[in-house]
Amino acid sequence: MLRTLSIALAACAAAYLAPLNAATSPTLDDITPAVRAGTYKQITSVVVARSDRVLYEQYFDTAGAEALRNTRSATKTVTGMLVGAAVDRGLLRAESPVFNFFRDRLPVANPDPRKERITVEDFLTMSSLLECDDENQFSRGNEERMYLVEDWVKFTLDLPIKGFPDWQPKPEQSPYGRVWSYCTAGPTTLGPLLESATKQSVMEFAQAVLFKPLGIETVKWQLQPLGGAMTGGGLLLRSRDLLKLGQLYLNNGRWQGRQVISEAWVHRSVSAHANAREDTNYGYLWWLQTFQVDGRTISTYGMYGTGGNKVYVLPAQGVVVVVTTTNFRVTGASALTDKLFASLIVPAVLVP
């Protein structure tokens, strides 16, 4: 009798506490009030999907689902996809020397035989020996200096070789044998290089090998002063189409039964080639970041742009997350998006 009563009381207690315990764990529905309250400043959209099923989709501006989102440097990752498509077709190699495609720009300033050995892969991994660092206002290769001149390729090729004072690690002393610095000029130069290799404009090539296969119908490229597509930033895409790009790589380059990007290129792209931050490595224009959430280490790879615009792929969970913003002038915008991701989104999609 006492045992039966004890079991009944335990069952009642469990039923009473279940809603309380559930309330302590974030759900995707918690995103909406937090964003609308301004906790994360100017978030414009959040889309979360597991495999091919959308779990959450909300737009926080008046533009809605059809708006083209300027995700800034997330464009760089698309450039890496296009390089992969060219490699898959035998039109290009990651090991190809960059200067071989630009003999019309010779001679260059600051000549050095090491510049002739800079490869496509060096630009994909932000680790060429060119003195180029967007995070250093004194760098000769800072992107703001590039925007002042007409020929961005010549700007890049003219840069000097970077120096390594005694207090800074040399490539051979660094993780993966590469010294990383964020350099928009590199992937920007990959645009004209792709045009040379494929004999098509970047826009035509991208439409044929990437956007059309994924059913991406509306895009808008920014242009370089000489007319080619800006492959270092500024490509405008819908949030749902950004989701497709993340899902493409989550699915090892396959989309609706078709191999759009080879599995080999996807694997190379999301493998670590350089160390960017304490908790972040760098692939082929993909950020490889780890998060600590609820005592678990969550591995991701992502497309990142100014303002905290991000596409996160969580391979172990089979999840893709898109966050777009207009936090372009907000200090710490990237960390703000990471906070939204780690505090509200990840706990809600983790499989126990």
Protein backbone atom coordinates (compact mmCIF):
# COMPACT_ATOMS: atom_id res chain seq x y z
CA MET A 1 0.00 0.00 0.00
CA LEU A 2 2.76 2.44 1.00
CA ARG A 3 4.77 1.51 -2.11
CA THR A 4 1.73 2.15 -4.33
CA LEU A 5 1.13 5.51 -2.67
CA SER A 6 4.80 6.43 -3.07
CA ILE A 7 4.73 5.63 -6.79
CA ALA A 8 1.54 7.66 -7.22
CA LEU A 9 3.01 10.65 -5.41
CA ALA A 10 6.19 10.44 -7.51
CA ALA A 11 4.11 10.37 -10.68
CA CYS A 12 2.13 13.41 -9.56
CA ALA A 13 5.31 15.28 -8.69
CA ALA A 14 6.85 14.46 -12.06
CA ALA A 15 3.72 15.64 -13.86
CA TYR A 16 3.74 18.87 -11.85
CA LEU A 17 7.43 19.59 -12.34
CA ALA A 18 7.59 18.68 -16.05
CA PRO A 19 6.26 22.05 -17.28
CA LEU A 20 8.65 23.85 -14.92
CA ASN A 21 11.65 21.88 -16.14
CA ALA A 22 10.62 22.35 -19.76
CA ALA A 23 10.33 26.07 -19.19
CA THR A 24 13.96 26.26 -18.10
CA SER A 25 15.22 24.88 -21.42
CA PRO A 26 15.22 27.34 -24.36
CA THR A 27 13.00 26.57 -27.30
CA LEU A 28 13.16 28.09 -30.75
CA ASP A 29 10.03 30.05 -29.90
CA ASP A 30 12.10 32.00 -27.37
CA ILE A 31 14.01 33.63 -30.25
CA THR A 32 11.11 35.82 -31.34
CA PRO A 33 10.50 37.80 -28.12
CA ALA A 34 14.24 38.16 -27.45
CA VAL A 35 14.90 39.61 -30.91
CA ARG A 36 11.81 41.83 -30.84
CA ALA A 37 12.93 43.20 -27.47
CA GLY A 38 16.12 44.47 -29.12
CA THR A 39 18.41 42.20 -27.13
CA TYR A 40 20.43 41.47 -30.27
CA LYS A 41 20.02 44.89 -31.88
CA GLN A 42 18.91 44.84 -35.53
CA ILE A 43 18.37 41.20 -36.44
CA THR A 44 16.48 40.97 -39.74
CA SER A 45 15.92 37.22 -40.09
CA VAL A 46 16.55 33.90 -38.41
CA VAL A 47 16.06 30.55 -40.15
CA VAL A 48 16.80 27.18 -38.55
CA ALA A 49 16.55 23.84 -40.35
CA ARG A 50 17.37 20.24 -39.51
CA SER A 51 18.20 18.25 -42.63
CA ASP A 52 15.62 19.54 -45.16
CA ARG A 53 12.95 20.54 -42.63
CA VAL A 54 12.67 24.16 -41.52
CA LEU A 55 12.17 24.30 -37.74
CA TYR A 56 11.99 28.06 -37.33
CA GLU A 57 11.73 30.98 -39.75
CA GLN A 58 11.06 34.55 -38.75
CA TYR A 59 11.63 37.94 -40.36
CA PHE A 60 12.02 40.96 -38.13
CA ASP A 61 11.86 43.76 -40.67
CA THR A 62 9.25 44.86 -43.16
CA ALA A 63 11.14 43.40 -46.15
CA GLY A 64 10.23 39.79 -45.37
CA ALA A 65 11.23 36.49 -46.91
CA GLU A 66 11.87 37.79 -50.44
CA ALA A 67 14.36 40.45 -49.37
CA LEU A 68 17.90 40.18 -50.67
CA ARG A 69 20.16 40.23 -47.64
CA ASN A 70 23.57 41.90 -47.85
CA THR A 71 25.63 39.46 -45.83
CA ARG A 72 28.89 41.17 -46.72
CA SER A 73 31.87 38.81 -46.41
CA ALA A 74 29.75 35.67 -46.39
CA THR A 75 30.27 36.15 -50.15
CA LYS A 76 33.82 34.90 -49.68
CA THR A 77 32.53 31.43 -48.89
CA VAL A 78 30.49 31.44 -52.12
CA THR A 79 33.72 32.31 -53.92
CA GLY A 80 35.31 29.22 -52.40
CA MET A 81 32.40 27.15 -53.72
CA LEU A 82 32.96 28.53 -57.22
CA VAL A 83 36.67 27.76 -57.04
CA GLY A 84 35.69 24.22 -56.06
CA ALA A 85 33.34 23.97 -59.03
CA ALA A 86 36.19 25.05 -61.33
CA VAL A 87 38.54 22.52 -59.72
CA ASP A 88 35.92 19.78 -60.11
CA ARG A 89 35.77 20.56 -63.84
CA GLY A 90 39.53 20.46 -64.30
CA LEU A 91 39.70 24.18 -65.07
CA LEU A 92 41.78 25.11 -62.04
CA ARG A 93 43.89 23.60 -59.26
CA ALA A 94 44.14 24.81 -55.68
CA GLU A 95 47.88 24.57 -56.10
CA SER A 96 47.89 26.85 -59.17
CA PRO A 97 50.16 29.93 -58.79
CA VAL A 98 48.05 33.08 -58.79
CA PHE A 99 50.52 35.13 -60.84
CA ASN A 100 50.19 32.72 -63.79
CA PHE A 101 46.73 34.15 -64.45
CA PHE A 102 47.79 37.79 -64.47
CA ARG A 103 50.79 38.11 -66.76
CA ASP A 104 49.10 41.19 -68.21
CA ARG A 105 49.63 42.92 -64.83
CA LEU A 106 53.43 42.47 -64.87
CA PRO A 107 55.74 43.96 -63.81
CA VAL A 108 54.53 44.37 -60.23
CA ALA A 109 55.75 46.58 -57.40
CA ASN A 110 57.82 45.00 -54.65
CA PRO A 111 59.05 42.11 -56.83
CA ASP A 112 60.00 38.98 -54.89
CA PRO A 113 60.29 35.37 -56.09
CA ARG A 114 58.10 34.26 -53.17
CA LYS A 115 55.19 36.20 -54.66
CA GLU A 116 55.37 34.03 -57.77
CA ARG A 117 54.78 30.97 -55.55
CA ILE A 118 51.54 32.27 -53.97
CA THR A 119 48.75 29.84 -54.82
CA VAL A 120 44.98 29.82 -55.08
CA GLU A 121 44.95 27.85 -51.83
CA ASP A 122 46.89 30.62 -50.10
CA PHE A 123 44.06 33.04 -50.92
CA LEU A 124 41.41 30.49 -49.95
CA THR A 125 43.00 30.09 -46.52
CA MET A 126 43.82 33.78 -45.87
CA SER A 127 47.45 32.83 -45.46
CA SER A 128 49.43 34.17 -48.39
CA LEU A 129 52.72 35.89 -47.62
CA LEU A 130 51.40 39.22 -48.90
CA GLU A 131 51.32 42.04 -46.34
CA CYS A 132 47.56 42.24 -46.13
CA ASP A 133 45.50 42.53 -42.96
CA ASP A 134 42.06 44.14 -42.82
CA GLU A 135 42.20 44.07 -39.01
CA ASN A 136 45.26 46.33 -38.99
CA GLN A 137 44.59 49.90 -40.11
CA PHE A 138 48.30 50.35 -40.88
CA SER A 139 48.47 47.37 -43.24
CA ARG A 140 49.27 48.26 -46.84
CA GLY A 141 46.79 45.60 -47.92
CA ASN A 142 43.90 46.82 -45.77
CA GLU A 143 40.73 46.59 -47.86
CA GLU A 144 39.89 50.28 -47.35
CA ARG A 145 43.04 51.16 -49.32
CA MET A 146 42.04 48.76 -52.10
CA TYR A 147 38.68 50.47 -52.55
CA LEU A 148 40.45 53.75 -53.38
CA VAL A 149 42.03 52.43 -56.60
CA GLU A 150 40.52 51.17 -59.84
CA ASP A 151 42.44 47.93 -60.46
CA TRP A 152 42.00 45.75 -57.38
CA VAL A 153 43.98 42.87 -58.86
CA LYS A 154 47.01 45.09 -59.46
CA PHE A 155 46.61 46.46 -55.94
CA THR A 156 46.88 42.92 -54.58
CA LEU A 157 49.77 41.78 -56.74
CA ASP A 158 51.76 44.93 -55.93
CA LEU A 159 51.70 44.29 -52.16
CA PRO A 160 55.02 43.54 -50.47
CA ILE A 161 55.89 40.33 -48.64
CA LYS A 162 54.96 40.58 -44.97
CA GLY A 163 57.66 40.66 -42.32
CA PHE A 164 57.86 38.46 -39.25
CA PRO A 165 59.45 40.24 -36.27
CA ASP A 166 60.94 38.03 -33.60
CA TRP A 167 57.84 38.37 -31.42
CA GLN A 168 55.52 36.99 -34.10
CA PRO A 169 55.39 33.33 -35.19
CA LYS A 170 56.63 32.46 -38.66
CA PRO A 171 54.60 30.11 -40.87
CA GLU A 172 56.68 27.09 -39.95
CA GLN A 173 56.07 27.83 -36.26
CA SER A 174 52.31 28.19 -36.68
CA PRO A 175 49.47 25.64 -36.57
CA TYR A 176 49.06 23.95 -39.96
CA GLY A 177 52.20 25.72 -41.21
CA ARG A 178 50.36 28.91 -42.15
CA VAL A 179 50.16 32.40 -40.67
CA TRP A 180 46.60 33.67 -40.98
CA SER A 181 45.48 37.27 -41.47
CA TYR A 182 42.11 38.45 -42.69
CA CYS A 183 42.67 39.78 -46.21
CA THR A 184 39.73 40.68 -48.46
CA ALA A 185 42.07 41.42 -51.36
CA GLY A 186 42.85 37.71 -51.76
CA PRO A 187 39.34 36.35 -52.42
CA THR A 188 38.55 39.54 -54.35
CA THR A 189 41.39 38.62 -56.73
CA LEU A 190 39.97 35.12 -57.08
CA GLY A 191 37.07 36.61 -59.08
CA PRO A 192 39.13 37.76 -62.08
CA LEU A 193 41.24 34.59 -61.68
CA LEU A 194 38.08 32.46 -62.02
CA GLU A 195 37.10 34.38 -65.13
CA SER A 196 40.50 33.67 -66.65
CA ALA A 197 40.27 29.97 -65.77
CA THR A 198 36.65 29.37 -66.80
CA LYS A 199 36.42 31.79 -69.75
CA GLN A 200 33.13 33.03 -68.29
CA SER A 201 32.14 35.90 -66.08
CA VAL A 202 31.82 35.04 -62.40
CA MET A 203 28.11 35.77 -62.62
CA GLU A 204 27.58 33.40 -65.57
CA PHE A 205 29.69 30.65 -64.01
CA ALA A 206 27.96 30.97 -60.64
CA GLN A 207 24.54 30.82 -62.27
CA ALA A 208 25.40 27.69 -64.22
CA VAL A 209 27.26 25.64 -61.61
CA LEU A 210 25.74 26.76 -58.30
CA PHE A 211 22.64 28.95 -58.30
CA LYS A 212 20.60 27.19 -61.01
CA PRO A 213 21.20 23.69 -59.58
CA LEU A 214 20.05 24.94 -56.15
CA GLY A 215 17.02 26.75 -57.51
CA ILE A 216 18.38 30.15 -56.45
CA GLU A 217 16.63 32.52 -58.82
CA THR A 218 17.41 36.02 -57.58
CA VAL A 219 20.86 37.31 -56.68
CA LYS A 220 22.62 40.64 -56.86
CA TRP A 221 26.38 40.99 -57.14
CA GLN A 222 28.38 44.09 -56.28
CA LEU A 223 30.85 45.03 -59.00
CA GLN A 224 34.53 45.91 -58.98
CA PRO A 225 35.47 49.24 -60.63
CA LEU A 226 36.67 47.40 -63.75
CA GLY A 227 33.32 45.64 -64.06
CA GLY A 228 33.79 42.11 -62.72
CA ALA A 229 31.84 40.65 -59.80
CA MET A 230 33.10 41.54 -56.33
CA THR A 231 33.97 38.12 -54.88
CA GLY A 232 35.19 39.47 -51.55
CA GLY A 233 31.83 40.71 -50.25
CA GLY A 234 28.45 42.24 -50.91
CA LEU A 235 26.58 39.46 -52.69
CA LEU A 236 22.85 39.77 -51.93
CA LEU A 237 20.79 36.60 -51.39
CA ARG A 238 17.51 35.66 -49.73
CA SER A 239 17.75 34.06 -46.29
CA ARG A 240 16.24 30.84 -47.65
CA ASP A 241 18.92 30.75 -50.34
CA LEU A 242 21.67 31.24 -47.78
CA LEU A 243 20.12 28.26 -46.02
CA LYS A 244 20.45 26.22 -49.23
CA LEU A 245 24.17 26.97 -49.42
CA GLY A 246 24.67 25.71 -45.88
CA GLN A 247 22.55 22.63 -46.57
CA LEU A 248 24.55 21.91 -49.73
CA TYR A 249 27.73 21.52 -47.68
CA LEU A 250 25.93 19.70 -44.87
CA ASN A 251 24.89 17.18 -47.55
CA ASN A 252 28.51 16.80 -48.78
CA GLY A 253 27.87 18.82 -51.93
CA ARG A 254 24.66 17.05 -52.99
CA TRP A 255 21.35 18.77 -53.70
CA GLN A 256 18.20 16.81 -54.53
CA GLY A 257 20.20 13.83 -55.70
CA ARG A 258 22.68 15.82 -57.78
CA GLN A 259 26.36 16.26 -56.87
CA VAL A 260 26.74 20.03 -57.29
CA ILE A 261 30.14 20.36 -55.56
CA SER A 262 32.34 17.29 -55.19
CA GLU A 263 32.44 15.61 -51.78
CA ALA A 264 36.24 15.85 -51.92
CA TRP A 265 36.12 19.64 -52.27
CA VAL A 266 33.56 19.99 -49.49
CA HIS A 267 35.80 17.94 -47.18
CA ARG A 268 38.86 20.03 -48.06
CA SER A 269 36.91 23.24 -47.61
CA VAL A 270 35.71 22.52 -44.09
CA SER A 271 38.99 21.01 -42.87
CA ALA A 272 41.37 23.19 -40.86
CA HIS A 273 44.15 24.82 -42.88
CA ALA A 274 45.05 27.75 -40.61
CA ASN A 275 44.35 29.00 -37.09
CA ALA A 276 42.36 32.24 -36.99
CA ARG A 277 41.33 32.63 -33.34
CA GLU A 278 41.71 30.81 -30.05
CA ASP A 279 38.54 28.79 -30.67
CA THR A 280 38.44 29.12 -34.45
CA ASN A 281 40.31 27.56 -37.34
CA TYR A 282 39.94 28.46 -41.00
CA GLY A 283 39.21 26.26 -44.01
CA TYR A 284 38.73 27.32 -47.62
CA LEU A 285 36.94 30.62 -46.81
CA TRP A 286 34.90 28.79 -44.14
CA TRP A 287 35.18 29.66 -40.43
CA LEU A 288 35.57 26.54 -38.27
CA GLN A 289 34.39 27.59 -34.82
CA THR A 290 33.69 25.62 -31.64
CA PHE A 291 31.16 26.65 -28.99
CA GLN A 292 30.75 25.47 -25.42
CA VAL A 293 27.03 24.99 -24.74
CA ASP A 294 25.59 23.22 -21.71
CA GLY A 295 28.89 21.51 -21.05
CA ARG A 296 29.16 20.22 -24.60
CA THR A 297 31.58 21.18 -27.34
CA ILE A 298 29.68 22.09 -30.50
CA SER A 299 31.69 22.07 -33.72
CA THR A 300 30.51 24.29 -36.55
CA TYR A 301 31.64 25.66 -39.86
CA GLY A 302 30.21 28.89 -41.16
CA MET A 303 29.90 31.75 -43.60
CA TYR A 304 30.55 35.01 -41.73
CA GLY A 305 30.03 38.62 -42.73
CA THR A 306 30.23 42.07 -41.18
CA GLY A 307 27.44 42.96 -38.78
CA GLY A 308 27.18 39.42 -37.45
CA ASN A 309 25.58 38.05 -40.60
CA LYS A 310 26.22 34.32 -40.34
CA VAL A 311 25.33 30.91 -41.70
CA TYR A 312 26.25 28.19 -39.20
CA VAL A 313 26.42 24.51 -40.11
CA LEU A 314 26.30 21.99 -37.23
CA PRO A 315 27.30 18.72 -38.90
CA ALA A 316 26.83 16.48 -35.84
CA GLN A 317 23.30 17.78 -35.34
CA GLY A 318 22.38 17.97 -39.03
CA VAL A 319 21.35 21.60 -38.52
CA VAL A 320 21.87 24.83 -40.51
CA VAL A 321 21.21 28.25 -38.98
CA VAL A 322 20.93 31.56 -40.87
CA VAL A 323 21.09 34.87 -39.02
CA THR A 324 20.97 38.12 -40.99
CA THR A 325 21.32 41.59 -39.50
CA THR A 326 21.87 45.24 -40.24
CA ASN A 327 24.23 45.60 -37.26
CA PHE A 328 26.94 46.92 -39.55
CA ARG A 329 27.99 49.73 -37.23
CA VAL A 330 27.34 47.92 -33.94
CA THR A 331 30.45 47.23 -31.87
CA GLY A 332 30.76 43.52 -31.16
CA ALA A 333 28.09 42.56 -33.70
CA SER A 334 29.71 39.21 -34.47
CA ALA A 335 29.81 38.26 -30.79
CA LEU A 336 26.17 39.36 -30.48
CA THR A 337 25.10 36.90 -33.17
CA ASP A 338 27.20 34.19 -31.54
CA LYS A 339 25.40 34.89 -28.25
CA LEU A 340 22.00 34.47 -29.92
CA PHE A 341 23.24 31.27 -31.54
CA ALA A 342 24.79 29.73 -28.44
CA SER A 343 22.23 30.80 -25.83
CA LEU A 344 18.92 30.30 -27.65
CA ILE A 345 19.39 28.33 -30.85
CA VAL A 346 21.91 25.61 -30.03
CA PRO A 347 20.26 24.44 -26.77
CA ALA A 348 16.96 24.17 -28.62
CA VAL A 349 18.33 21.91 -31.38
CA LEU A 350 20.70 19.71 -29.38
CA VAL A 351 19.79 16.06 -29.42
CA PRO A 352 20.07 14.62 -25.87
